[in-house]
Amino acid sequence: IALVATILIIAPASEQSTETALLRFVNVIPGAASLDVFVDGQLAVARLDYGEASLYIPAPAGAHTVVATQAGVTTTLWEQEINANAGAALTLVASSTDSLGFQTFLDDPNPRSLGQARLTAIHAIAGAGAVDITLADGRAVIPGLTYNVPYGTLDVPSAVYEVLVVPEGDSVENAIIGVTPLKLNSSTSYMVIAYGTTSDANLLILSAPTLPEDAGSFTGGFARVA
């Protein structure tokens, strides 16, 4: 199952038609039950648990009706319209019961040179003030990150970075998310989502391969090391 899922997600990401878009759904609503997500009346994501993200799902470019329900229940929790431009990769994040809905964030699958990774950060802790993402030594690498306003994208060298999340301008001793290894691999786009509550916050790290240098005539393959 994992192998089939990998094939299905890598193929659209690497050879995506200009007439389609990619949709990825994230449930980080504190205390929420699992969600079922329907796109244009079709079940697209089943049992999306708290702190989880779906794979990218290919969908025709254009407007879509998205409905979220509690898993296994037909009663609508919320309904909204989204618009996906051709070739776009969208991450839709639900993070609060105050005005239920998905916030839309744009991923960037454009090619990166070997040895480079792409990084976007999102603050999804409802009710929390601005935060800084810092290195373990206290240096702020993403300062002043505010709720539902993405920071990035940043192209950075592939490496393992130890990061913390602290209230804006504060010290690492007062971190709301302690030291977390952030492993960034080459030619990969990462989205780092801080979610939860100020007393119980976590990092969700999403990744997807970027497009090859010449996606229009791509005849190569992918390698994954385990």
Protein backbone atom coordinates (compact mmCIF):
# COMPACT_ATOMS: atom_id res chain seq x y z
CA ILE A 1 0.00 0.00 0.00
CA ALA A 2 2.81 2.41 0.90
CA LEU A 3 4.59 1.68 -2.38
CA VAL A 4 1.44 2.27 -4.44
CA ALA A 5 0.72 5.49 -2.54
CA THR A 6 4.28 6.67 -3.21
CA ILE A 7 3.98 5.96 -6.92
CA LEU A 8 0.64 7.73 -7.11
CA ILE A 9 1.89 10.86 -5.36
CA ILE A 10 5.30 11.11 -7.05
CA ALA A 11 3.92 10.72 -10.55
CA PRO A 12 1.54 13.73 -10.37
CA ALA A 13 4.16 15.85 -8.58
CA SER A 14 6.85 15.20 -11.18
CA GLU A 15 4.79 15.06 -14.37
CA GLN A 16 1.89 17.29 -13.40
CA SER A 17 -0.30 18.43 -16.30
CA THR A 18 -0.67 22.17 -16.78
CA GLU A 19 -4.44 21.52 -16.71
CA THR A 20 -4.42 20.14 -13.17
CA ALA A 21 -3.56 21.30 -9.67
CA LEU A 22 -2.46 19.48 -6.53
CA LEU A 23 -4.44 19.71 -3.26
CA ARG A 24 -3.13 18.66 0.17
CA PHE A 25 -5.28 18.85 3.34
CA VAL A 26 -4.09 19.33 6.95
CA ASN A 27 -6.08 18.92 10.17
CA VAL A 28 -4.52 20.80 13.09
CA ILE A 29 -7.69 21.94 14.90
CA PRO A 30 -6.98 21.37 18.63
CA GLY A 31 -9.37 18.82 20.09
CA ALA A 32 -10.97 18.05 16.73
CA ALA A 33 -12.12 14.60 15.70
CA SER A 34 -10.95 12.94 12.50
CA LEU A 35 -12.23 14.60 9.34
CA ASP A 36 -13.53 13.34 6.02
CA VAL A 37 -12.91 15.79 3.19
CA PHE A 38 -15.06 15.85 0.06
CA VAL A 39 -14.11 17.67 -3.14
CA ASP A 40 -17.02 18.36 -5.50
CA GLY A 41 -19.09 15.71 -3.73
CA GLN A 42 -16.46 12.96 -3.91
CA LEU A 43 -14.66 11.66 -0.83
CA ALA A 44 -11.07 12.79 -1.34
CA VAL A 45 -9.54 12.25 2.13
CA ALA A 46 -10.83 9.75 4.71
CA ARG A 47 -10.19 9.97 8.45
CA LEU A 48 -7.74 12.85 8.50
CA ASP A 49 -6.65 12.79 12.14
CA TYR A 50 -5.45 15.72 14.22
CA GLY A 51 -1.84 16.53 13.40
CA GLU A 52 -1.97 14.74 10.05
CA ALA A 53 -1.78 15.77 6.42
CA SER A 54 -3.01 14.01 3.31
CA LEU A 55 -0.87 13.28 0.30
CA TYR A 56 -1.17 15.63 -2.66
CA ILE A 57 -4.32 14.87 -4.63
CA PRO A 58 -4.51 15.84 -8.32
CA ALA A 59 -7.62 17.81 -9.28
CA PRO A 60 -8.70 19.71 -12.40
CA ALA A 61 -7.70 23.36 -12.43
CA GLY A 62 -10.51 25.74 -11.53
CA ALA A 63 -13.10 26.22 -8.80
CA HIS A 64 -14.00 23.40 -6.39
CA THR A 65 -16.45 22.93 -3.53
CA VAL A 66 -14.78 21.50 -0.43
CA VAL A 67 -16.87 20.00 2.38
CA ALA A 68 -15.50 18.74 5.72
CA THR A 69 -17.41 16.36 7.97
CA GLN A 70 -16.59 14.38 11.06
CA ALA A 71 -15.21 11.03 9.88
CA GLY A 72 -18.01 8.63 9.05
CA VAL A 73 -20.72 11.26 9.55
CA THR A 74 -22.64 12.99 6.77
CA THR A 75 -23.40 16.22 8.65
CA THR A 76 -21.37 19.10 7.19
CA LEU A 77 -18.99 20.87 9.56
CA TRP A 78 -18.16 23.48 6.96
CA GLU A 79 -18.29 24.08 3.23
CA GLN A 80 -16.15 26.43 1.21
CA GLU A 81 -15.12 27.25 -2.32
CA ILE A 82 -11.49 27.12 -3.40
CA ASN A 83 -9.86 28.03 -6.68
CA ALA A 84 -6.85 26.07 -7.90
CA ASN A 85 -4.89 27.54 -10.78
CA ALA A 86 -3.42 25.20 -13.37
CA GLY A 87 -0.10 23.79 -12.18
CA ALA A 88 -0.54 25.06 -8.60
CA ALA A 89 0.24 22.98 -5.50
CA LEU A 90 -2.03 24.05 -2.62
CA THR A 91 -1.87 23.07 1.05
CA LEU A 92 -5.17 23.65 2.86
CA VAL A 93 -4.82 23.94 6.65
CA ALA A 94 -7.69 23.84 9.18
CA SER A 95 -6.41 25.13 12.53
CA SER A 96 -9.24 26.72 14.53
CA THR A 97 -12.86 26.22 15.62
CA ASP A 98 -13.30 29.98 15.50
CA SER A 99 -14.53 30.33 11.91
CA LEU A 100 -14.07 26.76 10.75
CA GLY A 101 -12.41 26.38 7.37
CA PHE A 102 -9.24 25.68 5.46
CA GLN A 103 -6.65 28.39 4.95
CA THR A 104 -4.91 28.01 1.59
CA PHE A 105 -1.12 28.12 1.27
CA LEU A 106 0.85 27.85 -1.95
CA ASP A 107 3.71 25.37 -2.24
CA ASP A 108 6.47 25.92 -4.80
CA PRO A 109 7.43 22.75 -6.71
CA ASN A 110 9.71 24.55 -9.17
CA PRO A 111 13.13 22.95 -9.71
CA ARG A 112 16.00 23.40 -7.28
CA SER A 113 19.65 22.73 -7.98
CA LEU A 114 21.29 19.69 -6.45
CA GLY A 115 22.18 20.32 -2.79
CA GLN A 116 19.38 22.86 -2.26
CA ALA A 117 16.05 22.44 -0.44
CA ARG A 118 13.05 24.77 -0.29
CA LEU A 119 11.38 25.80 2.99
CA THR A 120 8.09 27.50 3.88
CA ALA A 121 6.97 28.09 7.49
CA ILE A 122 3.37 28.48 8.73
CA HIS A 123 2.12 29.59 12.14
CA ALA A 124 -1.13 27.68 12.78
CA ILE A 125 -1.43 28.07 16.57
CA ALA A 126 -4.76 29.87 16.88
CA GLY A 127 -4.79 32.61 19.49
CA ALA A 128 -1.01 32.77 19.83
CA GLY A 129 1.05 35.86 19.15
CA ALA A 130 3.89 36.07 16.67
CA VAL A 131 6.72 33.56 17.04
CA ASP A 132 10.32 33.18 15.97
CA ILE A 133 11.79 29.98 14.58
CA THR A 134 15.34 29.89 15.88
CA LEU A 135 18.38 27.67 15.79
CA ALA A 136 19.38 25.90 19.00
CA ASP A 137 21.87 28.70 19.76
CA GLY A 138 19.08 31.29 19.72
CA ARG A 139 19.67 32.81 16.28
CA ALA A 140 16.34 33.62 14.64
CA VAL A 141 16.12 32.16 11.15
CA ILE A 142 12.42 32.98 10.66
CA PRO A 143 11.49 35.98 12.83
CA GLY A 144 8.05 37.42 13.51
CA LEU A 145 5.97 34.57 12.06
CA THR A 146 2.29 35.49 12.50
CA TYR A 147 -0.84 33.35 12.49
CA ASN A 148 -1.91 32.19 9.02
CA VAL A 149 0.72 34.31 7.27
CA PRO A 150 3.34 32.08 5.59
CA TYR A 151 7.05 32.87 5.62
CA GLY A 152 9.05 31.83 2.59
CA THR A 153 9.80 30.23 0.42
CA LEU A 154 13.47 30.03 1.34
CA ASP A 155 16.04 28.06 -0.63
CA VAL A 156 18.60 26.67 1.82
CA PRO A 157 21.47 24.16 1.70
CA SER A 158 20.49 20.55 2.37
CA ALA A 159 21.38 19.72 5.98
CA VAL A 160 19.97 18.87 9.39
CA TYR A 161 18.99 21.98 11.34
CA GLU A 162 18.02 21.93 15.02
CA VAL A 163 15.21 24.46 15.46
CA LEU A 164 12.95 25.77 18.23
CA VAL A 165 9.83 27.92 18.24
CA VAL A 166 9.77 30.79 20.75
CA PRO A 167 7.49 33.78 21.34
CA GLU A 168 8.69 36.66 19.17
CA GLY A 169 11.85 38.21 20.59
CA ASP A 170 12.06 35.70 23.46
CA SER A 171 14.90 33.36 24.45
CA VAL A 172 15.22 29.63 23.82
CA GLU A 173 14.59 28.99 27.54
CA ASN A 174 10.96 30.00 26.94
CA ALA A 175 10.43 27.93 23.80
CA ILE A 176 6.89 26.73 23.14
CA ILE A 177 8.31 23.99 20.89
CA GLY A 178 11.62 22.53 22.01
CA VAL A 179 14.58 21.47 19.89
CA THR A 180 13.35 19.65 16.79
CA PRO A 181 15.63 18.18 14.10
CA LEU A 182 14.68 19.59 10.71
CA LYS A 183 16.17 17.30 8.06
CA LEU A 184 16.14 19.00 4.67
CA ASN A 185 17.05 16.90 1.64
CA SER A 186 18.08 18.09 -1.78
CA SER A 187 15.49 18.90 -4.46
CA THR A 188 12.65 18.73 -1.95
CA SER A 189 10.09 21.33 -0.90
CA TYR A 190 9.28 21.44 2.82
CA MET A 191 6.40 23.09 4.67
CA VAL A 192 6.88 23.42 8.44
CA ILE A 193 3.65 24.01 10.36
CA ALA A 194 3.63 25.06 14.03
CA TYR A 195 0.26 23.95 15.43
CA GLY A 196 -1.66 23.12 18.61
CA THR A 197 -1.95 25.45 21.60
CA THR A 198 0.60 27.58 23.43
CA SER A 199 0.70 24.97 26.20
CA ASP A 200 0.89 21.98 23.84
CA ALA A 201 2.45 22.99 20.52
CA ASN A 202 4.06 20.79 17.89
CA LEU A 203 5.75 20.95 14.51
CA LEU A 204 4.34 19.16 11.47
CA ILE A 205 6.88 18.78 8.65
CA LEU A 206 5.51 18.13 5.16
CA SER A 207 7.63 17.36 2.13
CA ALA A 208 7.27 16.79 -1.59
CA PRO A 209 9.82 16.43 -4.40
CA THR A 210 10.41 19.50 -6.54
CA LEU A 211 10.10 19.23 -10.30
CA PRO A 212 13.12 18.16 -12.36
CA GLU A 213 15.04 20.87 -14.21
CA ASP A 214 13.26 20.12 -17.49
CA ALA A 215 9.87 18.76 -16.43
CA GLY A 216 8.48 18.99 -19.95
CA SER A 217 10.86 16.34 -21.27
CA PHE A 218 11.53 14.40 -18.07
CA THR A 219 12.72 10.87 -18.88
CA GLY A 220 14.66 10.15 -15.70
CA GLY A 221 13.64 8.57 -12.42
CA PHE A 222 13.63 9.10 -8.68
CA ALA A 223 15.81 7.54 -5.99
CA ARG A 224 14.92 7.13 -2.33
CA VAL A 225 17.36 5.90 0.32
CA ALA A 226 16.06 4.00 3.35
